[in-house]
C-alpha atoms as a PDB file:
ATOM      1  CA  MET A   1     -36.429  76.976   9.396  1.00  0.00           C
ATOM      2  CA  PRO A   2     -37.420  73.340   9.965  1.00  0.00           C
ATOM      3  CA  ASN A   3     -39.611  72.452  12.931  1.00  0.00           C
ATOM      4  CA  LEU A   4     -37.220  70.198  14.862  1.00  0.00           C
ATOM      5  CA  GLY A   5     -39.836  69.277  17.449  1.00  0.00           C
ATOM      6  CA  ALA A   6     -42.322  68.039  14.855  1.00  0.00           C
ATOM      7  CA  GLU A   7     -39.554  66.211  12.982  1.00  0.00           C
ATOM      8  CA  LYS A   8     -38.477  64.419  16.177  1.00  0.00           C
ATOM      9  CA  GLN A   9     -42.024  63.267  16.886  1.00  0.00           C
ATOM     10  CA  SER A  10     -42.279  61.735  13.416  1.00  0.00           C
ATOM     11  CA  ARG A  11     -39.219  59.545  13.972  1.00  0.00           C
ATOM     12  CA  ALA A  12     -39.206  56.032  15.362  1.00  0.00           C
ATOM     13  CA  PHE A  13     -38.402  55.875  19.053  1.00  0.00           C
ATOM     14  CA  THR A  14     -37.223  53.522  21.751  1.00  0.00           C
ATOM     15  CA  ALA A  15     -39.376  53.576  24.884  1.00  0.00           C
ATOM     16  CA  THR A  16     -37.738  52.283  28.030  1.00  0.00           C
ATOM     17  CA  ARG A  17     -40.160  53.759  30.530  1.00  0.00           C
ATOM     18  CA  PHE A  18     -43.782  52.718  30.665  1.00  0.00           C
ATOM     19  CA  VAL A  19     -46.243  54.113  33.172  1.00  0.00           C
ATOM     20  CA  LEU A  20     -49.625  52.794  34.248  1.00  0.00           C
ATOM     21  CA  GLU A  21     -52.354  55.342  34.845  1.00  0.00           C
ATOM     22  CA  LEU A  22     -55.532  54.501  36.753  1.00  0.00           C
ATOM     23  CA  ASP A  23     -58.421  56.939  36.898  1.00  0.00           C
ATOM     24  CA  GLY A  24     -56.200  59.811  35.743  1.00  0.00           C
ATOM     25  CA  GLN A  25     -53.366  59.206  38.223  1.00  0.00           C
ATOM     26  CA  GLN A  26     -49.945  57.673  37.567  1.00  0.00           C
ATOM     27  CA  VAL A  27     -49.625  54.616  39.802  1.00  0.00           C
ATOM     28  CA  GLY A  28     -46.121  53.468  38.896  1.00  0.00           C
ATOM     29  CA  LEU A  29     -43.529  52.354  36.391  1.00  0.00           C
ATOM     30  CA  LEU A  30     -43.907  49.011  34.636  1.00  0.00           C
ATOM     31  CA  ASN A  31     -41.112  46.535  34.051  1.00  0.00           C
ATOM     32  CA  SER A  32     -42.764  45.166  30.926  1.00  0.00           C
ATOM     33  CA  VAL A  33     -46.020  45.397  28.983  1.00  0.00           C
ATOM     34  CA  ASP A  34     -47.485  42.773  26.650  1.00  0.00           C
ATOM     35  CA  GLY A  35     -50.823  42.380  24.903  1.00  0.00           C
ATOM     36  CA  GLY A  36     -53.447  45.068  24.499  1.00  0.00           C
ATOM     37  CA  HIS A  37     -53.730  44.321  20.780  1.00  0.00           C
ATOM     38  CA  PHE A  38     -56.603  45.397  18.544  1.00  0.00           C
ATOM     39  CA  LYS A  39     -58.261  42.405  16.874  1.00  0.00           C
ATOM     40  CA  SER A  40     -61.267  41.454  14.769  1.00  0.00           C
ATOM     41  CA  GLU A  41     -62.467  38.359  12.915  1.00  0.00           C
ATOM     42  CA  SER A  42     -63.173  38.128   9.206  1.00  0.00           C
ATOM     43  CA  ILE A  43     -66.805  37.185   8.592  1.00  0.00           C
ATOM     44  CA  GLY A  44     -67.694  35.587   5.259  1.00  0.00           C
ATOM     45  CA  GLU A  45     -71.103  35.787   3.554  1.00  0.00           C
ATOM     46  CA  GLN A  46     -72.078  33.997   0.358  1.00  0.00           C
ATOM     47  CA  VAL A  47     -75.020  35.503  -1.550  1.00  0.00           C
ATOM     48  CA  GLY A  48     -77.073  33.464  -4.021  1.00  0.00           C
ATOM     49  CA  SER A  49     -75.139  31.630  -6.719  1.00  0.00           C
ATOM     50  CA  GLU A  50     -72.211  34.039  -6.729  1.00  0.00           C
ATOM     51  CA  GLY A  51     -68.837  32.326  -6.593  1.00  0.00           C
ATOM     52  CA  LEU A  52     -67.308  35.048  -4.465  1.00  0.00           C
ATOM     53  CA  VAL A  53     -67.641  35.244  -0.708  1.00  0.00           C
ATOM     54  CA  THR A  54     -68.261  38.728   0.620  1.00  0.00           C
ATOM     55  CA  ARG A  55     -66.185  39.471   3.691  1.00  0.00           C
ATOM     56  CA  TYR A  56     -66.322  42.143   6.343  1.00  0.00           C
ATOM     57  CA  PRO A  57     -64.802  42.603   9.819  1.00  0.00           C
ATOM     58  CA  GLY A  58     -66.710  41.507  12.876  1.00  0.00           C
ATOM     59  CA  ARG A  59     -66.812  43.106  16.293  1.00  0.00           C
ATOM     60  CA  GLN A  60     -63.599  44.680  17.480  1.00  0.00           C
ATOM     61  CA  LYS A  61     -61.793  42.830  20.252  1.00  0.00           C
ATOM     62  CA  PHE A  62     -59.232  44.144  22.691  1.00  0.00           C
ATOM     63  CA  GLU A  63     -56.819  41.558  24.027  1.00  0.00           C
ATOM     64  CA  ASP A  64     -55.828  41.338  27.668  1.00  0.00           C
ATOM     65  CA  ILE A  65     -52.892  43.467  28.833  1.00  0.00           C
ATOM     66  CA  THR A  66     -50.161  41.764  30.866  1.00  0.00           C
ATOM     67  CA  VAL A  67     -47.785  43.879  32.958  1.00  0.00           C
ATOM     68  CA  GLN A  68     -44.928  43.055  35.290  1.00  0.00           C
ATOM     69  CA  VAL A  69     -44.484  45.274  38.333  1.00  0.00           C
ATOM     70  CA  GLY A  70     -42.248  45.629  41.348  1.00  0.00           C
ATOM     71  CA  THR A  71     -43.306  46.687  44.815  1.00  0.00           C
ATOM     72  CA  SER A  72     -43.239  50.468  44.275  1.00  0.00           C
ATOM     73  CA  MET A  73     -46.692  50.876  42.781  1.00  0.00           C
ATOM     74  CA  ALA A  74     -49.060  53.446  44.288  1.00  0.00           C
ATOM     75  CA  PRO A  75     -51.749  52.397  46.815  1.00  0.00           C
ATOM     76  CA  GLY A  76     -54.473  52.682  44.165  1.00  0.00           C
ATOM     77  CA  PHE A  77     -52.936  49.817  42.221  1.00  0.00           C
ATOM     78  CA  TRP A  78     -52.738  47.505  45.247  1.00  0.00           C
ATOM     79  CA  LYS A  79     -56.336  48.318  46.193  1.00  0.00           C
ATOM     80  CA  TRP A  80     -57.424  47.192  42.718  1.00  0.00           C
ATOM     81  CA  LEU A  81     -55.632  43.866  43.190  1.00  0.00           C
ATOM     82  CA  GLN A  82     -56.934  43.522  46.734  1.00  0.00           C
ATOM     83  CA  ALA A  83     -60.548  44.004  45.630  1.00  0.00           C
ATOM     84  CA  SER A  84     -60.211  41.351  42.917  1.00  0.00           C
ATOM     85  CA  ILE A  85     -58.615  38.755  45.224  1.00  0.00           C
ATOM     86  CA  ASP A  86     -61.294  39.444  47.847  1.00  0.00           C
ATOM     87  CA  ASN A  87     -63.945  38.716  45.171  1.00  0.00           C
ATOM     88  CA  LYS A  88     -65.100  42.352  45.246  1.00  0.00           C
ATOM     89  CA  TYR A  89     -64.092  43.214  41.695  1.00  0.00           C
ATOM     90  CA  GLU A  90     -63.667  46.810  40.519  1.00  0.00           C
ATOM     91  CA  ARG A  91     -63.633  48.229  36.991  1.00  0.00           C
ATOM     92  CA  ARG A  92     -60.924  50.776  36.295  1.00  0.00           C
ATOM     93  CA  ASN A  93     -60.208  53.268  33.522  1.00  0.00           C
ATOM     94  CA  GLY A  94     -56.620  54.126  32.693  1.00  0.00           C
ATOM     95  CA  ALA A  95     -53.812  54.091  30.165  1.00  0.00           C
ATOM     96  CA  ILE A  96     -50.454  52.551  29.323  1.00  0.00           C
ATOM     97  CA  VAL A  97     -48.160  55.502  28.560  1.00  0.00           C
ATOM     98  CA  ALA A  98     -44.772  55.183  26.821  1.00  0.00           C
ATOM     99  CA  PHE A  99     -42.023  57.787  27.329  1.00  0.00           C
ATOM    100  CA  ASP A 100     -38.822  58.215  25.349  1.00  0.00           C
ATOM    101  CA  PHE A 101     -35.362  58.780  26.884  1.00  0.00           C
ATOM    102  CA  ASP A 102     -36.030  62.546  27.070  1.00  0.00           C
ATOM    103  CA  GLY A 103     -39.103  62.025  29.245  1.00  0.00           C
ATOM    104  CA  ALA A 104     -41.483  63.024  26.435  1.00  0.00           C
ATOM    105  CA  GLU A 105     -44.752  61.143  26.095  1.00  0.00           C
ATOM    106  CA  ARG A 106     -44.759  59.298  22.754  1.00  0.00           C
ATOM    107  CA  SER A 107     -47.784  57.013  22.838  1.00  0.00           C
ATOM    108  CA  ARG A 108     -50.819  56.216  24.936  1.00  0.00           C
ATOM    109  CA  ARG A 109     -53.154  53.226  24.971  1.00  0.00           C
ATOM    110  CA  THR A 110     -56.251  54.299  26.843  1.00  0.00           C
ATOM    111  CA  PHE A 111     -58.555  51.625  28.259  1.00  0.00           C
ATOM    112  CA  LYS A 112     -61.947  51.644  29.947  1.00  0.00           C
ATOM    113  CA  ASP A 113     -63.819  49.324  32.319  1.00  0.00           C
ATOM    114  CA  ALA A 114     -60.843  46.989  32.804  1.00  0.00           C
ATOM    115  CA  LEU A 115     -61.157  43.951  35.072  1.00  0.00           C
ATOM    116  CA  ILE A 116     -58.318  42.047  36.728  1.00  0.00           C
ATOM    117  CA  ALA A 117     -58.084  38.652  34.991  1.00  0.00           C
ATOM    118  CA  GLU A 118     -55.008  37.102  36.604  1.00  0.00           C
ATOM    119  CA  ILE A 119     -52.451  37.830  39.323  1.00  0.00           C
ATOM    120  CA  GLN A 120     -49.293  35.750  39.540  1.00  0.00           C
ATOM    121  CA  PHE A 121     -47.029  35.849  42.557  1.00  0.00           C
ATOM    122  CA  PRO A 122     -43.588  34.499  41.623  1.00  0.00           C
ATOM    123  CA  ALA A 123     -42.082  31.298  42.959  1.00  0.00           C
ATOM    124  CA  LEU A 124     -40.130  31.718  46.205  1.00  0.00           C
ATOM    125  CA  ASP A 125     -36.808  30.031  46.858  1.00  0.00           C
ATOM    126  CA  ALA A 126     -34.560  30.373  49.884  1.00  0.00           C
ATOM    127  CA  LYS A 127     -31.523  30.121  47.584  1.00  0.00           C
ATOM    128  CA  ALA A 128     -32.685  32.787  45.111  1.00  0.00           C
ATOM    129  CA  LYS A 129     -30.492  35.820  44.498  1.00  0.00           C
ATOM    130  CA  THR A 130     -32.185  37.321  41.445  1.00  0.00           C
ATOM    131  CA  PRO A 131     -35.023  39.842  42.043  1.00  0.00           C
ATOM    132  CA  ALA A 132     -38.526  38.947  40.884  1.00  0.00           C
ATOM    133  CA  ALA A 133     -41.688  40.785  39.869  1.00  0.00           C
ATOM    134  CA  LEU A 134     -45.448  40.293  40.048  1.00  0.00           C
ATOM    135  CA  THR A 135     -47.349  39.593  36.838  1.00  0.00           C
ATOM    136  CA  VAL A 136     -50.823  41.097  36.475  1.00  0.00           C
ATOM    137  CA  LYS A 137     -53.198  40.574  33.562  1.00  0.00           C
ATOM    138  CA  PHE A 138     -56.266  42.756  33.097  1.00  0.00           C
ATOM    139  CA  ALA A 139     -59.037  42.690  30.505  1.00  0.00           C
ATOM    140  CA  PRO A 140     -60.130  46.057  29.074  1.00  0.00           C
ATOM    141  CA  GLU A 141     -63.599  46.409  27.603  1.00  0.00           C
ATOM    142  CA  TRP A 142     -62.574  49.210  25.231  1.00  0.00           C
ATOM    143  CA  MET A 143     -59.258  50.665  24.058  1.00  0.00           C
ATOM    144  CA  GLU A 144     -57.912  53.560  21.985  1.00  0.00           C
ATOM    145  CA  TYR A 145     -54.394  54.336  20.743  1.00  0.00           C
ATOM    146  CA  THR A 146     -53.159  57.930  20.474  1.00  0.00           C
ATOM    147  CA  THR A 147     -49.765  59.532  20.007  1.00  0.00           C
ATOM    148  CA  GLY A 148     -48.349  61.407  22.945  1.00  0.00           C
ATOM    149  CA  GLY A 149     -47.598  64.628  21.128  1.00  0.00           C
ATOM    150  CA  GLY A 150     -44.150  64.846  22.668  1.00  0.00           C
ATOM    151  CA  LYS A 151     -45.191  66.756  25.757  1.00  0.00           C
ATOM    152  CA  LYS A 152     -42.623  66.609  28.537  1.00  0.00           C
ATOM    153  CA  ALA A 153     -44.851  64.914  31.036  1.00  0.00           C
ATOM    154  CA  GLY A 154     -42.420  62.306  32.294  1.00  0.00           C
ATOM    155  CA  PRO A 155     -43.237  59.682  34.897  1.00  0.00           C
ATOM    156  CA  ALA A 156     -44.126  61.084  38.309  1.00  0.00           C
ATOM    157  CA  ASP A 157     -41.434  58.882  39.809  1.00  0.00           C
ATOM    158  CA  THR A 158     -38.426  58.306  37.570  1.00  0.00           C
ATOM    159  CA  THR A 159     -36.762  55.810  39.912  1.00  0.00           C
ATOM    160  CA  LYS A 160     -36.708  52.180  38.900  1.00  0.00           C
ATOM    161  CA  GLN A 161     -39.247  49.768  40.287  1.00  0.00           C
ATOM    162  CA  LYS A 162     -38.127  48.161  43.517  1.00  0.00           C
ATOM    163  CA  LEU A 163     -37.999  44.405  43.132  1.00  0.00           C
ATOM    164  CA  PHE A 164     -38.044  41.928  45.971  1.00  0.00           C
ATOM    165  CA  VAL A 165     -35.782  38.906  46.260  1.00  0.00           C
ATOM    166  CA  PRO A 166     -37.762  35.615  46.310  1.00  0.00           C
ATOM    167  CA  ALA A 167     -35.581  34.317  49.149  1.00  0.00           C
ATOM    168  CA  ASN A 168     -37.234  36.714  51.615  1.00  0.00           C
ATOM    169  CA  PHE A 169     -40.504  35.197  52.771  1.00  0.00           C
ATOM    170  CA  ARG A 170     -42.213  33.873  55.892  1.00  0.00           C
ATOM    171  CA  LEU A 171     -44.887  31.164  55.921  1.00  0.00           C
ATOM    172  CA  THR A 172     -47.129  30.393  58.874  1.00  0.00           C
ATOM    173  CA  LEU A 173     -49.748  27.663  59.216  1.00  0.00           C
ATOM    174  CA  GLU A 174     -52.248  27.391  62.048  1.00  0.00           C
ATOM    175  CA  LYS A 175     -51.556  24.454  64.404  1.00  0.00           C
ATOM    176  CA  PHE A 176     -47.976  24.185  63.093  1.00  0.00           C
ATOM    177  CA  ASP A 177     -45.244  25.593  65.312  1.00  0.00           C
ATOM    178  CA  ARG A 178     -42.692  27.979  63.863  1.00  0.00           C
ATOM    179  CA  GLU A 179     -40.089  25.240  63.755  1.00  0.00           C
ATOM    180  CA  SER A 180     -42.258  23.292  61.285  1.00  0.00           C
ATOM    181  CA  THR A 181     -42.607  26.141  58.773  1.00  0.00           C
ATOM    182  CA  ARG A 182     -39.295  28.007  59.076  1.00  0.00           C
ATOM    183  CA  TRP A 183     -37.537  25.223  57.166  1.00  0.00           C
ATOM    184  CA  VAL A 184     -39.652  25.671  54.021  1.00  0.00           C
ATOM    185  CA  THR A 185     -37.139  26.079  51.187  1.00  0.00           C
ATOM    186  CA  LYS A 186     -39.438  26.700  48.217  1.00  0.00           C
ATOM    187  CA  ILE A 187     -42.975  27.838  47.495  1.00  0.00           C
ATOM    188  CA  GLU A 188     -44.235  27.402  43.959  1.00  0.00           C
ATOM    189  CA  ALA A 189     -45.770  30.312  42.032  1.00  0.00           C
ATOM    190  CA  LEU A 190     -49.313  31.275  43.017  1.00  0.00           C
ATOM    191  CA  THR A 191     -51.693  32.339  40.240  1.00  0.00           C
ATOM    192  CA  ILE A 192     -55.104  33.753  41.140  1.00  0.00           C
ATOM    193  CA  LYS A 193     -57.521  33.839  38.204  1.00  0.00           C
ATOM    194  CA  GLN A 194     -60.651  35.944  37.803  1.00  0.00           C
ATOM    195  CA  ASN A 195     -62.746  34.465  34.999  1.00  0.00           C
ATOM    196  CA  VAL A 196     -63.752  37.224  32.591  1.00  0.00           C
ATOM    197  CA  ILE A 197     -66.767  36.401  30.404  1.00  0.00           C
ATOM    198  CA  THR A 198     -67.209  37.997  26.969  1.00  0.00           C
ATOM    199  CA  ASN A 199     -70.823  39.123  26.484  1.00  0.00           C
ATOM    200  CA  PRO A 200     -71.760  40.489  23.009  1.00  0.00           C
ATOM    201  CA  ILE A 201     -74.877  42.659  23.060  1.00  0.00           C
ATOM    202  CA  GLY A 202     -77.020  43.369  19.982  1.00  0.00           C
ATOM    203  CA  ASN A 203     -75.334  45.671  17.485  1.00  0.00           C
ATOM    204  CA  GLU A 204     -72.777  47.121  19.890  1.00  0.00           C
ATOM    205  CA  LEU A 205     -69.391  47.471  18.210  1.00  0.00           C
ATOM    206  CA  TRP A 206     -67.454  45.717  20.967  1.00  0.00           C
ATOM    207  CA  PRO A 207     -68.479  43.007  23.439  1.00  0.00           C
ATOM    208  CA  ARG A 208     -68.994  43.731  27.095  1.00  0.00           C
ATOM    209  CA  LYS A 209     -66.985  41.874  29.712  1.00  0.00           C
ATOM    210  CA  GLU A 210     -68.435  40.449  32.892  1.00  0.00           C
ATOM    211  CA  VAL A 211     -66.838  38.687  35.856  1.00  0.00           C
ATOM    212  CA  GLY A 212     -67.155  35.013  36.712  1.00  0.00           C
ATOM    213  CA  ARG A 213     -65.733  32.982  39.577  1.00  0.00           C
ATOM    214  CA  VAL A 214     -62.413  33.605  41.266  1.00  0.00           C
ATOM    215  CA  GLU A 215     -60.106  30.585  41.109  1.00  0.00           C
ATOM    216  CA  TYR A 216     -57.619  30.272  43.963  1.00  0.00           C
ATOM    217  CA  PRO A 217     -54.477  28.199  43.399  1.00  0.00           C
ATOM    218  CA  ASN A 218     -53.113  25.253  45.328  1.00  0.00           C
ATOM    219  CA  LEU A 219     -50.309  25.967  47.750  1.00  0.00           C
ATOM    220  CA  SER A 220     -47.234  23.808  47.097  1.00  0.00           C
ATOM    221  CA  ILE A 221     -44.228  24.011  49.416  1.00  0.00           C
ATOM    222  CA  HIS A 222     -40.936  22.119  49.687  1.00  0.00           C
ATOM    223  CA  VAL A 223     -39.379  21.103  53.006  1.00  0.00           C
ATOM    224  CA  PRO A 224     -36.322  18.953  53.823  1.00  0.00           C
ATOM    225  CA  GLU A 225     -37.367  15.344  54.424  1.00  0.00           C
ATOM    226  CA  THR A 226     -36.012  15.594  57.993  1.00  0.00           C
ATOM    227  CA  TYR A 227     -38.750  18.144  58.836  1.00  0.00           C
ATOM    228  CA  ALA A 228     -41.635  16.445  57.011  1.00  0.00           C
ATOM    229  CA  GLY A 229     -42.966  14.711  60.150  1.00  0.00           C
ATOM    230  CA  PRO A 230     -45.739  17.219  61.039  1.00  0.00           C
ATOM    231  CA  TYR A 231     -47.046  17.160  57.474  1.00  0.00           C
ATOM    232  CA  LEU A 232     -47.138  13.344  57.458  1.00  0.00           C
ATOM    233  CA  LYS A 233     -49.175  13.408  60.681  1.00  0.00           C
ATOM    234  CA  TRP A 234     -51.521  15.975  59.135  1.00  0.00           C
ATOM    235  CA  TRP A 235     -51.959  13.707  56.082  1.00  0.00           C
ATOM    236  CA  GLU A 236     -52.759  10.754  58.329  1.00  0.00           C
ATOM    237  CA  LYS A 237     -55.503  12.649  60.148  1.00  0.00           C
ATOM    238  CA  LEU A 238     -57.085  14.609  57.300  1.00  0.00           C
ATOM    239  CA  VAL A 239     -56.746  12.089  54.469  1.00  0.00           C
ATOM    240  CA  GLY A 240     -55.785   8.725  55.968  1.00  0.00           C
ATOM    241  CA  LYS A 241     -58.456   8.723  58.699  1.00  0.00           C
ATOM    242  CA  GLY A 242     -60.828  11.101  56.908  1.00  0.00           C
ATOM    243  CA  GLU A 243     -61.113  13.392  59.929  1.00  0.00           C
ATOM    244  CA  HIS A 244     -62.044  16.538  58.022  1.00  0.00           C
ATOM    245  CA  ASN A 245     -63.658  18.484  60.831  1.00  0.00           C
ATOM    246  CA  GLY A 246     -61.139  20.561  62.741  1.00  0.00           C
ATOM    247  CA  ASN A 247     -58.130  19.500  60.691  1.00  0.00           C
ATOM    248  CA  GLU A 248     -58.248  22.182  57.994  1.00  0.00           C
ATOM    249  CA  VAL A 249     -56.105  25.184  58.907  1.00  0.00           C
ATOM    250  CA  THR A 250     -55.553  28.840  58.062  1.00  0.00           C
ATOM    251  CA  GLY A 251     -52.232  30.378  57.121  1.00  0.00           C
ATOM    252  CA  SER A 252     -50.363  33.359  55.744  1.00  0.00           C
ATOM    253  CA  LEU A 253     -47.455  34.089  53.438  1.00  0.00           C
ATOM    254  CA  GLU A 254     -45.480  37.295  53.948  1.00  0.00           C
ATOM    255  CA  LEU A 255     -43.137  38.690  51.308  1.00  0.00           C
ATOM    256  CA  LEU A 256     -40.354  40.576  53.067  1.00  0.00           C
ATOM    257  CA  ALA A 257     -37.958  43.377  52.153  1.00  0.00           C
ATOM    258  CA  SER A 258     -34.199  42.894  52.302  1.00  0.00           C
ATOM    259  CA  ASP A 259     -34.127  43.790  56.013  1.00  0.00           C
ATOM    260  CA  LEU A 260     -36.301  40.683  56.652  1.00  0.00           C
ATOM    261  CA  THR A 261     -38.620  42.677  58.916  1.00  0.00           C
ATOM    262  CA  THR A 262     -40.504  45.052  56.597  1.00  0.00           C
ATOM    263  CA  ILE A 263     -43.575  43.299  55.189  1.00  0.00           C
ATOM    264  CA  LEU A 264     -44.117  44.099  51.510  1.00  0.00           C
ATOM    265  CA  MET A 265     -47.384  42.200  51.180  1.00  0.00           C
ATOM    266  CA  THR A 266     -49.312  39.398  52.844  1.00  0.00           C
ATOM    267  CA  LEU A 267     -51.401  36.594  51.381  1.00  0.00           C
ATOM    268  CA  SER A 268     -53.741  34.927  53.857  1.00  0.00           C
ATOM    269  CA  PHE A 269     -55.289  31.492  53.293  1.00  0.00           C
ATOM    270  CA  THR A 270     -58.468  29.934  54.678  1.00  0.00           C
ATOM    271  CA  GLY A 271     -59.725  26.356  54.523  1.00  0.00           C
ATOM    272  CA  VAL A 272     -56.282  24.836  53.882  1.00  0.00           C
ATOM    273  CA  GLY A 273     -56.012  21.066  53.618  1.00  0.00           C
ATOM    274  CA  ILE A 274     -53.255  18.686  52.534  1.00  0.00           C
ATOM    275  CA  THR A 275     -53.665  16.726  49.278  1.00  0.00           C
ATOM    276  CA  GLY A 276     -50.276  15.176  48.601  1.00  0.00           C
ATOM    277  CA  LEU A 277     -46.717  14.416  49.703  1.00  0.00           C
ATOM    278  CA  THR A 278     -44.131  13.870  46.970  1.00  0.00           C
ATOM    279  CA  PHE A 279     -40.691  12.548  47.909  1.00  0.00           C
ATOM    280  CA  ASP A 280     -37.550  13.185  45.875  1.00  0.00           C
ATOM    281  CA  LYS A 281     -36.436  10.370  43.605  1.00  0.00           C
ATOM    282  CA  HIS A 282     -33.899   8.034  45.202  1.00  0.00           C
ATOM    283  CA  ASP A 283     -30.603   8.380  43.377  1.00  0.00           C
ATOM    284  CA  ALA A 284     -27.388   6.869  44.755  1.00  0.00           C
ATOM    285  CA  GLY A 285     -25.284   9.552  43.084  1.00  0.00           C
ATOM    286  CA  ALA A 286     -27.320  12.556  44.245  1.00  0.00           C
ATOM    287  CA  GLU A 287     -25.596  15.174  46.393  1.00  0.00           C
ATOM    288  CA  ALA A 288     -28.544  17.517  46.987  1.00  0.00           C
ATOM    289  CA  LEU A 289     -30.420  17.371  50.269  1.00  0.00           C
ATOM    290  CA  ARG A 290     -33.587  15.303  50.053  1.00  0.00           C
ATOM    291  CA  SER A 291     -36.844  17.205  50.251  1.00  0.00           C
ATOM    292  CA  VAL A 292     -40.578  16.589  50.222  1.00  0.00           C
ATOM    293  CA  LYS A 293     -43.137  18.539  48.226  1.00  0.00           C
ATOM    294  CA  VAL A 294     -46.332  19.213  50.185  1.00  0.00           C
ATOM    295  CA  ASP A 295     -49.452  20.045  48.133  1.00  0.00           C
ATOM    296  CA  MET A 296     -52.369  21.831  49.789  1.00  0.00           C
ATOM    297  CA  TYR A 297     -55.687  23.239  48.647  1.00  0.00           C
ATOM    298  CA  CYS A 298     -57.183  26.466  49.977  1.00  0.00           C
ATOM    299  CA  GLU A 299     -60.801  27.562  49.867  1.00  0.00           C
ATOM    300  CA  GLY A 300     -60.145  31.289  50.034  1.00  0.00           C
ATOM    301  CA  MET A 301     -57.421  33.929  49.911  1.00  0.00           C
ATOM    302  CA  THR A 302     -57.076  37.558  50.900  1.00  0.00           C
ATOM    303  CA  PHE A 303     -54.371  40.081  50.042  1.00  0.00           C
ATOM    304  CA  LYS A 304     -52.986  42.960  52.080  1.00  0.00           C
ATOM    305  CA  PRO A 305     -50.243  45.345  50.887  1.00  0.00           C
ATOM    306  CA  GLY A 306     -47.708  46.312  53.528  1.00  0.00           C
ATOM    307  CA  LYS A 307     -45.695  49.421  54.315  1.00  0.00           C
ATOM    308  CA  GLY A 308     -42.931  48.320  51.991  1.00  0.00           C
ATOM    309  CA  THR A 309     -45.118  48.962  48.946  1.00  0.00           C
ATOM    310  CA  GLN A 310     -45.893  52.584  49.692  1.00  0.00           C
END
């Protein structure tokens, strides 16, 4: 009698559920996974007067893994992000696990000593209706691919990832009253980068990866031109008159759940200063409300997950 289980495992499969494991624990479902490829470079060597070039593979390389997640990841995942943003990097071991529609594990890409390389918070728009996700890129130092064996492990939580709507946010800036910031209509995407340095050592078969500087993004917001007055005054003091002392501010950005009270996560900014004001193009036939883009730098950022992510 044929072994139906073994035959099923030898067939091609469609995986619609991907789970991230960190340190042996499932931390949540992933909306998408990209990267994590196995690469090497061809090295050529010409010996003597021979016309042929001898070739052999160089060190193995493991490309960065990019995942998109909602707000339902386990606390361990958010702590990893929090440590990286706070410039207190942590290395994590884990795996990307693929399950078929029966909940059987079909493949596993195990990684070791991974470092967060990039975190992208999506653009926010008061008119948005489509849910959005966070994009996280991490750099593994070593990887291995194995088949899942078909065991009925299944994700710990089979519910779909909860996504937040980019229209639900609250921005505050020190020295600006609530009336000045509540009219912000858009906030452009924020990408925090952790430079990861490749460090080949002797005859080791794969290069080590070390951390460099954390790069914090500029904060760019859009406000109706009617409410741009406080930002113009700030520009005049900080840039026009060059009064730097006491005119940089702190601030925070809260991503909110659909009830507009539950805080999903908070980004806090320090050393914020204005660098530009961009007015909409004048067009006699335009019907959209005129707005002003305000560009700001920030010297530091911190991240705090809220109750909505638990």
